[in-house]
PDB file of N, CA and C in Angstrom:
ATOM      1  N   PRO A   1       2.389  -3.890  22.315  1.00  0.00           N
ATOM      2  CA  PRO A   1       1.658  -4.760  21.280  1.00  0.00           C
ATOM      3  C   PRO A   1       2.661  -5.401  20.016  1.00  0.00           C
ATOM      4  N   GLU A   2       2.264  -6.248  19.607  1.00  0.00           N
ATOM      5  CA  GLU A   2       2.831  -6.776  18.433  1.00  0.00           C
ATOM      6  C   GLU A   2       2.964  -5.966  17.405  1.00  0.00           C
ATOM      7  N   TYR A   3       1.879  -5.287  16.924  1.00  0.00           N
ATOM      8  CA  TYR A   3       1.599  -4.416  15.842  1.00  0.00           C
ATOM      9  C   TYR A   3       1.149  -3.087  16.574  1.00  0.00           C
ATOM     10  N   TRP A   4       1.589  -1.984  15.779  1.00  0.00           N
ATOM     11  CA  TRP A   4       1.158  -0.563  16.083  1.00  0.00           C
ATOM     12  C   TRP A   4       0.205   0.076  15.173  1.00  0.00           C
ATOM     13  N   CYS A   5       0.055  -0.522  13.952  1.00  0.00           N
ATOM     14  CA  CYS A   5      -0.518  -0.021  13.088  1.00  0.00           C
ATOM     15  C   CYS A   5      -1.117  -1.080  11.903  1.00  0.00           C
ATOM     16  N   SER A   6      -2.091  -0.790  11.542  1.00  0.00           N
ATOM     17  CA  SER A   6      -2.677  -1.719  10.333  1.00  0.00           C
ATOM     18  C   SER A   6      -3.185  -0.976   9.044  1.00  0.00           C
ATOM     19  N   ILE A   7      -2.752  -1.122   7.754  1.00  0.00           N
ATOM     20  CA  ILE A   7      -3.106  -0.454   6.666  1.00  0.00           C
ATOM     21  C   ILE A   7      -3.946  -1.282   5.715  1.00  0.00           C
ATOM     22  N   ALA A   8      -5.090  -0.871   5.268  1.00  0.00           N
ATOM     23  CA  ALA A   8      -5.751  -1.640   4.346  1.00  0.00           C
ATOM     24  C   ALA A   8      -6.155  -0.599   3.125  1.00  0.00           C
ATOM     25  N   TYR A   9      -5.822  -1.139   1.778  1.00  0.00           N
ATOM     26  CA  TYR A   9      -5.819  -0.333   0.710  1.00  0.00           C
ATOM     27  C   TYR A   9      -7.128  -0.855  -0.016  1.00  0.00           C
ATOM     28  N   PHE A  10      -7.664   0.264  -0.454  1.00  0.00           N
ATOM     29  CA  PHE A  10      -8.967   0.280  -1.232  1.00  0.00           C
ATOM     30  C   PHE A  10      -9.026   0.834  -2.567  1.00  0.00           C
ATOM     31  N   GLU A  11      -9.594   0.034  -3.476  1.00  0.00           N
ATOM     32  CA  GLU A  11      -9.953   0.597  -4.886  1.00  0.00           C
ATOM     33  C   GLU A  11     -11.184   0.907  -5.079  1.00  0.00           C
ATOM     34  N   MET A  12     -11.953   2.082  -5.026  1.00  0.00           N
ATOM     35  CA  MET A  12     -13.364   2.535  -4.980  1.00  0.00           C
ATOM     36  C   MET A  12     -13.758   1.801  -3.389  1.00  0.00           C
ATOM     37  N   ASP A  13     -14.795   0.609  -3.485  1.00  0.00           N
ATOM     38  CA  ASP A  13     -15.194   0.228  -2.300  1.00  0.00           C
ATOM     39  C   ASP A  13     -14.709  -1.242  -1.964  1.00  0.00           C
ATOM     40  N   VAL A  14     -13.685  -1.633  -2.910  1.00  0.00           N
ATOM     41  CA  VAL A  14     -13.108  -2.935  -2.634  1.00  0.00           C
ATOM     42  C   VAL A  14     -11.805  -2.910  -1.999  1.00  0.00           C
ATOM     43  N   GLN A  15     -11.737  -3.608  -0.948  1.00  0.00           N
ATOM     44  CA  GLN A  15     -10.113  -3.950  -0.468  1.00  0.00           C
ATOM     45  C   GLN A  15      -9.500  -4.900  -1.546  1.00  0.00           C
ATOM     46  N   VAL A  16      -8.181  -4.457  -1.624  1.00  0.00           N
ATOM     47  CA  VAL A  16      -7.337  -5.158  -2.381  1.00  0.00           C
ATOM     48  C   VAL A  16      -5.971  -5.402  -1.663  1.00  0.00           C
ATOM     49  N   GLY A  17      -5.787  -6.893  -1.774  1.00  0.00           N
ATOM     50  CA  GLY A  17      -4.681  -7.317  -1.000  1.00  0.00           C
ATOM     51  C   GLY A  17      -5.248  -7.419   0.615  1.00  0.00           C
ATOM     52  N   GLU A  18      -4.263  -7.985   1.304  1.00  0.00           N
ATOM     53  CA  GLU A  18      -4.392  -8.201   2.855  1.00  0.00           C
ATOM     54  C   GLU A  18      -4.147  -7.006   3.557  1.00  0.00           C
ATOM     55  N   THR A  19      -4.612  -6.879   4.782  1.00  0.00           N
ATOM     56  CA  THR A  19      -4.349  -5.803   5.482  1.00  0.00           C
ATOM     57  C   THR A  19      -3.003  -6.054   6.156  1.00  0.00           C
ATOM     58  N   PHE A  20      -2.314  -4.957   5.941  1.00  0.00           N
ATOM     59  CA  PHE A  20      -0.716  -4.907   6.207  1.00  0.00           C
ATOM     60  C   PHE A  20      -0.688  -4.492   7.736  1.00  0.00           C
ATOM     61  N   LYS A  21       0.243  -5.236   8.598  1.00  0.00           N
ATOM     62  CA  LYS A  21       0.284  -4.979   9.937  1.00  0.00           C
ATOM     63  C   LYS A  21       1.620  -4.538  10.250  1.00  0.00           C
ATOM     64  N   VAL A  22       2.047  -3.337  10.542  1.00  0.00           N
ATOM     65  CA  VAL A  22       3.237  -2.698  11.004  1.00  0.00           C
ATOM     66  C   VAL A  22       3.573  -3.261  12.419  1.00  0.00           C
ATOM     67  N   PRO A  23       4.696  -3.964  12.362  1.00  0.00           N
ATOM     68  CA  PRO A  23       5.287  -4.474  13.687  1.00  0.00           C
ATOM     69  C   PRO A  23       5.765  -3.185  14.570  1.00  0.00           C
ATOM     70  N   SER A  24       5.609  -3.453  15.770  1.00  0.00           N
ATOM     71  CA  SER A  24       6.141  -2.310  16.875  1.00  0.00           C
ATOM     72  C   SER A  24       7.645  -2.112  16.703  1.00  0.00           C
ATOM     73  N   SER A  25       8.383  -3.189  16.118  1.00  0.00           N
ATOM     74  CA  SER A  25       9.734  -2.860  16.048  1.00  0.00           C
ATOM     75  C   SER A  25      10.069  -1.803  14.950  1.00  0.00           C
ATOM     76  N   CYS A  26       9.005  -1.425  14.009  1.00  0.00           N
ATOM     77  CA  CYS A  26       9.417  -0.309  13.036  1.00  0.00           C
ATOM     78  C   CYS A  26       8.388   0.723  13.293  1.00  0.00           C
ATOM     79  N   PRO A  27       9.016   1.888  13.891  1.00  0.00           N
ATOM     80  CA  PRO A  27       8.292   2.993  14.387  1.00  0.00           C
ATOM     81  C   PRO A  27       7.877   3.876  13.111  1.00  0.00           C
ATOM     82  N   ILE A  28       8.534   3.633  11.980  1.00  0.00           N
ATOM     83  CA  ILE A  28       8.016   4.544  10.789  1.00  0.00           C
ATOM     84  C   ILE A  28       7.563   3.428   9.668  1.00  0.00           C
ATOM     85  N   VAL A  29       6.751   3.789   8.877  1.00  0.00           N
ATOM     86  CA  VAL A  29       6.359   2.938   7.855  1.00  0.00           C
ATOM     87  C   VAL A  29       6.208   3.742   6.568  1.00  0.00           C
ATOM     88  N   THR A  30       6.619   3.218   5.395  1.00  0.00           N
ATOM     89  CA  THR A  30       6.493   3.844   4.122  1.00  0.00           C
ATOM     90  C   THR A  30       5.500   3.261   3.345  1.00  0.00           C
ATOM     91  N   VAL A  31       4.493   4.016   2.574  1.00  0.00           N
ATOM     92  CA  VAL A  31       3.619   3.428   1.648  1.00  0.00           C
ATOM     93  C   VAL A  31       4.074   4.150   0.240  1.00  0.00           C
ATOM     94  N   ASP A  32       4.173   3.360  -0.586  1.00  0.00           N
ATOM     95  CA  ASP A  32       4.703   3.782  -1.984  1.00  0.00           C
ATOM     96  C   ASP A  32       4.171   2.896  -3.114  1.00  0.00           C
ATOM     97  N   GLY A  33       4.575   3.303  -4.273  1.00  0.00           N
ATOM     98  CA  GLY A  33       3.797   2.371  -5.574  1.00  0.00           C
ATOM     99  C   GLY A  33       4.864   1.346  -5.968  1.00  0.00           C
ATOM    100  N   TYR A  34       6.013   1.014  -5.370  1.00  0.00           N
ATOM    101  CA  TYR A  34       7.133   0.167  -5.746  1.00  0.00           C
ATOM    102  C   TYR A  34       6.607  -1.429  -5.640  1.00  0.00           C
ATOM    103  N   VAL A  35       7.496  -2.226  -5.979  1.00  0.00           N
ATOM    104  CA  VAL A  35       7.097  -3.543  -5.826  1.00  0.00           C
ATOM    105  C   VAL A  35       7.897  -4.553  -4.643  1.00  0.00           C
ATOM    106  N   ASP A  36       8.796  -3.979  -4.036  1.00  0.00           N
ATOM    107  CA  ASP A  36       9.696  -4.789  -3.287  1.00  0.00           C
ATOM    108  C   ASP A  36       9.558  -4.492  -1.815  1.00  0.00           C
ATOM    109  N   PRO A  37       8.667  -5.048  -0.978  1.00  0.00           N
ATOM    110  CA  PRO A  37       8.863  -4.626   0.405  1.00  0.00           C
ATOM    111  C   PRO A  37       9.669  -4.674   1.295  1.00  0.00           C
ATOM    112  N   SER A  38      10.464  -5.513   1.023  1.00  0.00           N
ATOM    113  CA  SER A  38      11.873  -5.912   1.772  1.00  0.00           C
ATOM    114  C   SER A  38      11.982  -5.625   3.161  1.00  0.00           C
ATOM    115  N   GLY A  39      10.972  -5.882   3.945  1.00  0.00           N
ATOM    116  CA  GLY A  39      10.887  -5.510   5.328  1.00  0.00           C
ATOM    117  C   GLY A  39       9.347  -5.170   5.720  1.00  0.00           C
ATOM    118  N   GLY A  40       9.420  -5.180   7.111  1.00  0.00           N
ATOM    119  CA  GLY A  40       8.179  -4.856   7.606  1.00  0.00           C
ATOM    120  C   GLY A  40       7.907  -3.403   7.742  1.00  0.00           C
ATOM    121  N   ASP A  41       8.846  -2.477   7.320  1.00  0.00           N
ATOM    122  CA  ASP A  41       8.486  -1.233   7.467  1.00  0.00           C
ATOM    123  C   ASP A  41       8.010  -0.559   6.146  1.00  0.00           C
ATOM    124  N   ARG A  42       7.534  -1.052   5.240  1.00  0.00           N
ATOM    125  CA  ARG A  42       7.329  -0.813   3.998  1.00  0.00           C
ATOM    126  C   ARG A  42       6.184  -1.360   3.126  1.00  0.00           C
ATOM    127  N   PHE A  43       5.002  -0.600   2.814  1.00  0.00           N
ATOM    128  CA  PHE A  43       3.957  -1.332   2.192  1.00  0.00           C
ATOM    129  C   PHE A  43       3.690  -0.672   0.800  1.00  0.00           C
ATOM    130  N   CYS A  44       4.039  -1.652  -0.238  1.00  0.00           N
ATOM    131  CA  CYS A  44       4.305  -1.342  -1.689  1.00  0.00           C
ATOM    132  C   CYS A  44       2.997  -1.851  -2.205  1.00  0.00           C
ATOM    133  N   LEU A  45       2.312  -0.525  -2.878  1.00  0.00           N
ATOM    134  CA  LEU A  45       1.165  -0.826  -3.606  1.00  0.00           C
ATOM    135  C   LEU A  45       1.451  -1.326  -4.996  1.00  0.00           C
ATOM    136  N   GLY A  46       2.520  -1.243  -5.608  1.00  0.00           N
ATOM    137  CA  GLY A  46       2.676  -1.883  -6.888  1.00  0.00           C
ATOM    138  C   GLY A  46       2.576  -3.268  -7.065  1.00  0.00           C
ATOM    139  N   GLN A  47       2.752  -4.174  -5.785  1.00  0.00           N
ATOM    140  CA  GLN A  47       2.712  -5.458  -5.685  1.00  0.00           C
ATOM    141  C   GLN A  47       1.165  -6.016  -5.635  1.00  0.00           C
ATOM    142  N   LEU A  48       0.271  -5.118  -5.486  1.00  0.00           N
ATOM    143  CA  LEU A  48      -1.337  -5.340  -5.484  1.00  0.00           C
ATOM    144  C   LEU A  48      -1.811  -5.433  -6.891  1.00  0.00           C
ATOM    145  N   SER A  49      -2.416  -6.329  -7.179  1.00  0.00           N
ATOM    146  CA  SER A  49      -3.101  -6.617  -8.470  1.00  0.00           C
ATOM    147  C   SER A  49      -4.733  -6.658  -8.154  1.00  0.00           C
ATOM    148  N   ASN A  50      -5.499  -6.048  -9.140  1.00  0.00           N
ATOM    149  CA  ASN A  50      -7.001  -6.189  -9.122  1.00  0.00           C
ATOM    150  C   ASN A  50      -7.447  -6.194 -10.526  1.00  0.00           C
ATOM    151  N   VAL A  51      -8.088  -7.299 -11.075  1.00  0.00           N
ATOM    152  CA  VAL A  51      -8.571  -7.568 -12.393  1.00  0.00           C
ATOM    153  C   VAL A  51      -9.637  -6.662 -12.507  1.00  0.00           C
ATOM    154  N   HIS A  52     -10.278  -5.861 -11.647  1.00  0.00           N
ATOM    155  CA  HIS A  52     -11.321  -4.969 -11.717  1.00  0.00           C
ATOM    156  C   HIS A  52     -10.962  -3.560 -11.835  1.00  0.00           C
ATOM    157  N   ARG A  53      -9.400  -3.211 -11.899  1.00  0.00           N
ATOM    158  CA  ARG A  53      -8.899  -1.945 -11.855  1.00  0.00           C
ATOM    159  C   ARG A  53      -9.354  -1.177 -13.198  1.00  0.00           C
ATOM    160  N   THR A  54      -9.648   0.001 -13.100  1.00  0.00           N
ATOM    161  CA  THR A  54     -10.258   0.811 -14.118  1.00  0.00           C
ATOM    162  C   THR A  54      -9.131   1.862 -14.430  1.00  0.00           C
ATOM    163  N   GLU A  55      -9.211   2.545 -15.536  1.00  0.00           N
ATOM    164  CA  GLU A  55      -8.408   3.514 -15.937  1.00  0.00           C
ATOM    165  C   GLU A  55      -8.064   4.693 -15.225  1.00  0.00           C
ATOM    166  N   ALA A  56      -9.279   5.008 -14.479  1.00  0.00           N
ATOM    167  CA  ALA A  56      -9.274   6.126 -13.626  1.00  0.00           C
ATOM    168  C   ALA A  56      -8.619   5.969 -12.339  1.00  0.00           C
ATOM    169  N   ILE A  57      -8.549   4.714 -11.831  1.00  0.00           N
ATOM    170  CA  ILE A  57      -7.710   3.958 -10.712  1.00  0.00           C
ATOM    171  C   ILE A  57      -6.356   4.096 -11.111  1.00  0.00           C
ATOM    172  N   GLU A  58      -6.027   3.468 -12.184  1.00  0.00           N
ATOM    173  CA  GLU A  58      -4.765   3.642 -12.613  1.00  0.00           C
ATOM    174  C   GLU A  58      -3.842   4.852 -12.571  1.00  0.00           C
ATOM    175  N   ARG A  59      -4.868   6.000 -13.070  1.00  0.00           N
ATOM    176  CA  ARG A  59      -4.213   7.339 -13.089  1.00  0.00           C
ATOM    177  C   ARG A  59      -4.153   7.914 -11.761  1.00  0.00           C
ATOM    178  N   ALA A  60      -5.100   7.606 -10.900  1.00  0.00           N
ATOM    179  CA  ALA A  60      -4.837   7.990  -9.364  1.00  0.00           C
ATOM    180  C   ALA A  60      -3.647   7.157  -8.833  1.00  0.00           C
ATOM    181  N   ARG A  61      -3.546   5.805  -9.135  1.00  0.00           N
ATOM    182  CA  ARG A  61      -2.356   5.277  -8.407  1.00  0.00           C
ATOM    183  C   ARG A  61      -0.951   6.074  -8.965  1.00  0.00           C
ATOM    184  N   TYR A  62      -0.876   6.154 -10.153  1.00  0.00           N
ATOM    185  CA  TYR A  62       0.073   6.844 -10.945  1.00  0.00           C
ATOM    186  C   TYR A  62       0.363   8.280 -10.186  1.00  0.00           C
ATOM    187  N   SER A  63      -0.540   8.860  -9.930  1.00  0.00           N
ATOM    188  CA  SER A  63      -0.437  10.257  -9.582  1.00  0.00           C
ATOM    189  C   SER A  63      -0.070  10.282  -8.141  1.00  0.00           C
ATOM    190  N   ALA A  64      -0.524   9.256  -7.272  1.00  0.00           N
ATOM    191  CA  ALA A  64      -0.166   9.148  -5.912  1.00  0.00           C
ATOM    192  C   ALA A  64       1.454   8.722  -5.845  1.00  0.00           C
ATOM    193  N   ASP A  65       1.855   7.967  -6.749  1.00  0.00           N
ATOM    194  CA  ASP A  65       3.298   7.400  -6.702  1.00  0.00           C
ATOM    195  C   ASP A  65       4.157   8.504  -7.350  1.00  0.00           C
ATOM    196  N   SER A  66       3.634   9.321  -8.151  1.00  0.00           N
ATOM    197  CA  SER A  66       4.686  10.448  -8.756  1.00  0.00           C
ATOM    198  C   SER A  66       4.709  11.693  -7.871  1.00  0.00           C
ATOM    199  N   SER A  67       3.848  11.774  -6.737  1.00  0.00           N
ATOM    200  CA  SER A  67       3.827  13.007  -6.077  1.00  0.00           C
ATOM    201  C   SER A  67       5.014  13.122  -5.060  1.00  0.00           C
ATOM    202  N   PRO A  68       5.531  14.342  -4.981  1.00  0.00           N
ATOM    203  CA  PRO A  68       6.700  14.591  -3.919  1.00  0.00           C
ATOM    204  C   PRO A  68       6.336  14.364  -2.619  1.00  0.00           C
ATOM    205  N   PRO A  69       7.180  13.672  -1.760  1.00  0.00           N
ATOM    206  CA  PRO A  69       7.131  13.276  -0.517  1.00  0.00           C
ATOM    207  C   PRO A  69       6.778  14.142   0.465  1.00  0.00           C
TER     208      PRO A  69
END
């Protein structure tokens, strides 16, 4: 198949951004809070904006980004 995985990011019950499709040529995908996807093997939450983002969501995003791998 062309893609082996699809990732959709939600804040509460609203999808933010488009569904990210991981190409079959990338057996490993990294999800992080940075802003530079630089390839098909990385899904960066930092580049996604949401005008309805709450303070609680910001804290959760920060917590997820700063947790150890």
